[in-house]
Every structure is written in C-alpha cells, then in structure tokens.
Amino acid sequence: MNIAALDPGRDKCGFAVLAQDGRVIWQKVIETARLEAELAEARQKYGYEVLVEGNGTTSKEARARIQTALPELAVVVLDEYRTTELAKGEYWKAHPPKGWRRLLPVTMQVPPEPVDDFVAVILGHRYLKSLEEGHHES
C-alpha cells in the first residue's frame, strides 16, 4: 500500500508518495491552487489510500478542500515540529553544494529552491514509523 504526504501552504504545498517500506516514489512542490487536481492525478497514478497531512497554519483549509474533492480518502494529521529544519538537511544531501559553496557549512546556507516536498517525505516517514510502532491504524 502506498501512502501520500502533504505539507500544506498558502501558495505552495510539498507533496510526496511513498511505498510502505519508506521508499520515495514521487515528490514535488505543487501550487496550492491545484491541490485537488494534483492529489487526484497522483492517486490515479500511484494508488495511495492514506494521505498524511502536516498540521501547519493552512492545514484545516487544505483538509476541508481535500475532504470535499476526495471524500473517501483517509486523512491523518501529524505534527510538523522541526520538519522544515530537517528538510533543509535532506535537501543538501540530495543536492550537495558545488563550487565555493561546498566550503561553507550547509547549516549556514539556504537552499536555492523550496524544500516543501522534502517536508512531505519526512511526514510520510514519520507516519510509517508510527505504524511500525503501533500508534496508528492503517
């Protein structure tokens, strides 16, 4: 069973689809305006049954839109604590700095693009870990 994860935001959202074993199948930063369409297209393509959503500022609004568009989809809300900070580290692992930037510690650098999709991956991994530990029903 695949799962999807969403880091909702005002203008953009991080979105990812993960396999049950934690492998990232797909990740992308999507426009919030296209939220329902992107979720529906990804669901058709990757067949996920659960959407893990971060509990950030715009999460209630996003959840209402999702439940209207995809009422049969199970939505699980997770704490986003420290995810942006962790996502920056994951971004730099995936895209190591080049040239003179590699001389600066990545903790002193700001990724040149949004890391919302990495936040979604972290949320997905947190959910899968909680399943292993028996905190959520699937």
C-alpha atoms as a PDB file:
ATOM      1  CA  MET A   1       0.000   0.000   0.000  1.00  0.00           C
ATOM      2  CA  ASN A   2       1.373   3.421  -0.962  1.00  0.00           C
ATOM      3  CA  ILE A   3       0.783   6.493   1.165  1.00  0.00           C
ATOM      4  CA  ALA A   4       0.845  10.170   0.254  1.00  0.00           C
ATOM      5  CA  ALA A   5       2.061  13.045   2.399  1.00  0.00           C
ATOM      6  CA  LEU A   6       1.270  16.735   2.181  1.00  0.00           C
ATOM      7  CA  ASP A   7       2.881  19.823   3.672  1.00  0.00           C
ATOM      8  CA  PRO A   8       0.127  22.380   3.013  1.00  0.00           C
ATOM      9  CA  GLY A   9       0.976  26.021   2.447  1.00  0.00           C
ATOM     10  CA  ARG A  10      -0.688  29.242   1.323  1.00  0.00           C
ATOM     11  CA  ASP A  11       0.850  29.361  -2.181  1.00  0.00           C
ATOM     12  CA  LYS A  12       2.604  26.007  -2.499  1.00  0.00           C
ATOM     13  CA  CYS A  13       2.485  22.577  -0.924  1.00  0.00           C
ATOM     14  CA  GLY A  14       5.027  19.834  -0.563  1.00  0.00           C
ATOM     15  CA  PHE A  15       3.645  16.534  -1.819  1.00  0.00           C
ATOM     16  CA  ALA A  16       5.134  13.047  -1.849  1.00  0.00           C
ATOM     17  CA  VAL A  17       4.083   9.451  -2.428  1.00  0.00           C
ATOM     18  CA  LEU A  18       5.918   6.748  -0.503  1.00  0.00           C
ATOM     19  CA  ALA A  19       5.851   2.963  -0.616  1.00  0.00           C
ATOM     20  CA  GLN A  20       5.042   1.036   2.567  1.00  0.00           C
ATOM     21  CA  ASP A  21       8.791   0.364   3.025  1.00  0.00           C
ATOM     22  CA  GLY A  22       9.540   4.123   3.048  1.00  0.00           C
ATOM     23  CA  ARG A  23      10.922   4.389  -0.484  1.00  0.00           C
ATOM     24  CA  VAL A  24      10.056   7.717  -2.081  1.00  0.00           C
ATOM     25  CA  ILE A  25       8.138   7.020  -5.269  1.00  0.00           C
ATOM     26  CA  TRP A  26       7.489  10.647  -6.190  1.00  0.00           C
ATOM     27  CA  GLN A  27       7.930  14.079  -4.650  1.00  0.00           C
ATOM     28  CA  LYS A  28       7.098  17.547  -5.908  1.00  0.00           C
ATOM     29  CA  VAL A  29       6.278  21.099  -4.842  1.00  0.00           C
ATOM     30  CA  ILE A  30       2.771  21.832  -6.143  1.00  0.00           C
ATOM     31  CA  GLU A  31       0.710  25.007  -6.372  1.00  0.00           C
ATOM     32  CA  THR A  32      -1.938  25.211  -3.654  1.00  0.00           C
ATOM     33  CA  ALA A  33      -4.425  26.376  -6.293  1.00  0.00           C
ATOM     34  CA  ARG A  34      -4.042  22.955  -7.993  1.00  0.00           C
ATOM     35  CA  LEU A  35      -4.187  20.916  -4.770  1.00  0.00           C
ATOM     36  CA  GLU A  36      -7.253  18.780  -5.545  1.00  0.00           C
ATOM     37  CA  ALA A  37      -6.208  18.096  -9.152  1.00  0.00           C
ATOM     38  CA  GLU A  38      -2.631  17.150  -8.176  1.00  0.00           C
ATOM     39  CA  LEU A  39      -3.835  14.813  -5.409  1.00  0.00           C
ATOM     40  CA  ALA A  40      -6.382  13.147  -7.691  1.00  0.00           C
ATOM     41  CA  GLU A  41      -3.859  12.698 -10.532  1.00  0.00           C
ATOM     42  CA  ALA A  42      -1.239  11.233  -8.187  1.00  0.00           C
ATOM     43  CA  ARG A  43      -3.830   8.946  -6.616  1.00  0.00           C
ATOM     44  CA  GLN A  44      -4.801   7.621 -10.030  1.00  0.00           C
ATOM     45  CA  LYS A  45      -1.155   7.089 -10.959  1.00  0.00           C
ATOM     46  CA  TYR A  46       0.212   5.714  -7.644  1.00  0.00           C
ATOM     47  CA  GLY A  47      -2.896   4.388  -5.889  1.00  0.00           C
ATOM     48  CA  TYR A  48      -2.463   5.636  -2.320  1.00  0.00           C
ATOM     49  CA  GLU A  49      -5.153   5.051   0.328  1.00  0.00           C
ATOM     50  CA  VAL A  50      -3.964   7.365   3.102  1.00  0.00           C
ATOM     51  CA  LEU A  51      -2.898  10.997   2.992  1.00  0.00           C
ATOM     52  CA  VAL A  52      -0.665  12.192   5.818  1.00  0.00           C
ATOM     53  CA  GLU A  53      -1.042  15.937   6.309  1.00  0.00           C
ATOM     54  CA  GLY A  54       1.135  18.292   8.323  1.00  0.00           C
ATOM     55  CA  ASN A  55      -0.682  20.373  10.942  1.00  0.00           C
ATOM     56  CA  GLY A  56       0.728  23.748   9.839  1.00  0.00           C
ATOM     57  CA  THR A  57      -1.066  27.069   9.510  1.00  0.00           C
ATOM     58  CA  THR A  58      -3.167  26.245   6.437  1.00  0.00           C
ATOM     59  CA  SER A  59      -3.835  22.594   7.247  1.00  0.00           C
ATOM     60  CA  LYS A  60      -7.526  22.971   8.229  1.00  0.00           C
ATOM     61  CA  GLU A  61      -8.328  24.788   4.997  1.00  0.00           C
ATOM     62  CA  ALA A  62      -6.417  22.224   2.910  1.00  0.00           C
ATOM     63  CA  ARG A  63      -8.123  19.330   4.735  1.00  0.00           C
ATOM     64  CA  ALA A  64     -11.576  20.781   4.041  1.00  0.00           C
ATOM     65  CA  ARG A  65     -10.738  21.080   0.330  1.00  0.00           C
ATOM     66  CA  ILE A  66      -9.376  17.516   0.216  1.00  0.00           C
ATOM     67  CA  GLN A  67     -12.389  16.028   2.031  1.00  0.00           C
ATOM     68  CA  THR A  68     -14.732  17.754  -0.424  1.00  0.00           C
ATOM     69  CA  ALA A  69     -12.763  16.630  -3.511  1.00  0.00           C
ATOM     70  CA  LEU A  70     -11.773  13.136  -2.303  1.00  0.00           C
ATOM     71  CA  PRO A  71     -14.271  12.218   0.448  1.00  0.00           C
ATOM     72  CA  GLU A  72     -13.252   8.529   0.509  1.00  0.00           C
ATOM     73  CA  LEU A  73      -9.584   9.329   1.180  1.00  0.00           C
ATOM     74  CA  ALA A  74      -8.369   8.732   4.749  1.00  0.00           C
ATOM     75  CA  VAL A  75      -6.507  11.798   6.066  1.00  0.00           C
ATOM     76  CA  VAL A  76      -4.160  11.518   9.049  1.00  0.00           C
ATOM     77  CA  VAL A  77      -2.844  14.753  10.605  1.00  0.00           C
ATOM     78  CA  LEU A  78       0.689  14.758  12.011  1.00  0.00           C
ATOM     79  CA  ASP A  79       2.752  17.280  13.929  1.00  0.00           C
ATOM     80  CA  GLU A  80       5.121  19.248  11.672  1.00  0.00           C
ATOM     81  CA  TYR A  81       7.540  20.025  14.516  1.00  0.00           C
ATOM     82  CA  ARG A  82      11.075  20.676  13.148  1.00  0.00           C
ATOM     83  CA  THR A  83      10.240  19.349   9.660  1.00  0.00           C
ATOM     84  CA  THR A  84      11.426  22.441   7.755  1.00  0.00           C
ATOM     85  CA  GLU A  85      14.771  22.364   9.510  1.00  0.00           C
ATOM     86  CA  LEU A  86      15.132  18.611   8.816  1.00  0.00           C
ATOM     87  CA  ALA A  87      14.021  19.105   5.204  1.00  0.00           C
ATOM     88  CA  LYS A  88      16.860  21.576   4.578  1.00  0.00           C
ATOM     89  CA  GLY A  89      19.337  18.894   5.659  1.00  0.00           C
ATOM     90  CA  GLU A  90      17.674  16.352   3.357  1.00  0.00           C
ATOM     91  CA  TYR A  91      17.757  18.858   0.500  1.00  0.00           C
ATOM     92  CA  TRP A  92      21.523  19.298   0.874  1.00  0.00           C
ATOM     93  CA  LYS A  93      22.026  15.502   0.973  1.00  0.00           C
ATOM     94  CA  ALA A  94      20.115  15.196  -2.304  1.00  0.00           C
ATOM     95  CA  HIS A  95      21.765  18.284  -3.869  1.00  0.00           C
ATOM     96  CA  PRO A  96      25.240  18.788  -2.356  1.00  0.00           C
ATOM     97  CA  PRO A  97      26.593  22.334  -2.762  1.00  0.00           C
ATOM     98  CA  LYS A  98      29.026  22.843  -5.626  1.00  0.00           C
ATOM     99  CA  GLY A  99      31.936  25.213  -6.219  1.00  0.00           C
ATOM    100  CA  TRP A 100      32.817  27.623  -3.424  1.00  0.00           C
ATOM    101  CA  ARG A 101      29.503  26.812  -1.668  1.00  0.00           C
ATOM    102  CA  ARG A 102      30.850  23.396  -0.684  1.00  0.00           C
ATOM    103  CA  LEU A 103      33.330  25.200   1.590  1.00  0.00           C
ATOM    104  CA  LEU A 104      30.513  26.691   3.696  1.00  0.00           C
ATOM    105  CA  PRO A 105      28.683  24.510   6.220  1.00  0.00           C
ATOM    106  CA  VAL A 106      25.216  23.716   4.810  1.00  0.00           C
ATOM    107  CA  THR A 107      23.727  24.830   8.122  1.00  0.00           C
ATOM    108  CA  MET A 108      24.762  28.364   7.130  1.00  0.00           C
ATOM    109  CA  GLN A 109      23.189  28.122   3.665  1.00  0.00           C
ATOM    110  CA  VAL A 110      19.631  28.497   2.456  1.00  0.00           C
ATOM    111  CA  PRO A 111      18.515  26.009  -0.214  1.00  0.00           C
ATOM    112  CA  PRO A 112      18.000  27.811  -3.547  1.00  0.00           C
ATOM    113  CA  GLU A 113      14.548  26.277  -4.015  1.00  0.00           C
ATOM    114  CA  PRO A 114      11.574  25.371  -1.791  1.00  0.00           C
ATOM    115  CA  VAL A 115      12.020  22.281   0.418  1.00  0.00           C
ATOM    116  CA  ASP A 116       8.287  21.642   0.996  1.00  0.00           C
ATOM    117  CA  ASP A 117       8.474  18.319  -0.902  1.00  0.00           C
ATOM    118  CA  PHE A 118      11.209  17.148   1.483  1.00  0.00           C
ATOM    119  CA  VAL A 119       8.934  18.138   4.405  1.00  0.00           C
ATOM    120  CA  ALA A 120       6.233  15.899   2.887  1.00  0.00           C
ATOM    121  CA  VAL A 121       8.705  12.994   2.680  1.00  0.00           C
ATOM    122  CA  ILE A 122       9.625  13.481   6.359  1.00  0.00           C
ATOM    123  CA  LEU A 123       5.920  13.498   7.320  1.00  0.00           C
ATOM    124  CA  GLY A 124       5.416  10.293   5.327  1.00  0.00           C
ATOM    125  CA  HIS A 125       8.346   8.630   7.084  1.00  0.00           C
ATOM    126  CA  ARG A 126       7.009   9.743  10.500  1.00  0.00           C
ATOM    127  CA  TYR A 127       3.648   8.172   9.703  1.00  0.00           C
ATOM    128  CA  LEU A 128       5.188   4.885   8.519  1.00  0.00           C
ATOM    129  CA  LYS A 129       7.344   4.779  11.656  1.00  0.00           C
ATOM    130  CA  SER A 130       4.248   5.336  13.822  1.00  0.00           C
ATOM    131  CA  LEU A 131       2.559   2.395  12.051  1.00  0.00           C
ATOM    132  CA  GLU A 132       5.544   0.192  12.877  1.00  0.00           C
ATOM    133  CA  GLU A 133       5.315   1.303  16.496  1.00  0.00           C
ATOM    134  CA  GLY A 134       1.564   0.682  16.545  1.00  0.00           C
ATOM    135  CA  HIS A 135       0.389   4.291  17.062  1.00  0.00           C
ATOM    136  CA  HIS A 136      -1.981   4.448  14.062  1.00  0.00           C
ATOM    137  CA  GLU A 137      -4.361   2.064  12.363  1.00  0.00           C
ATOM    138  CA  SER A 138      -3.859   1.748   8.608  1.00  0.00           C
END
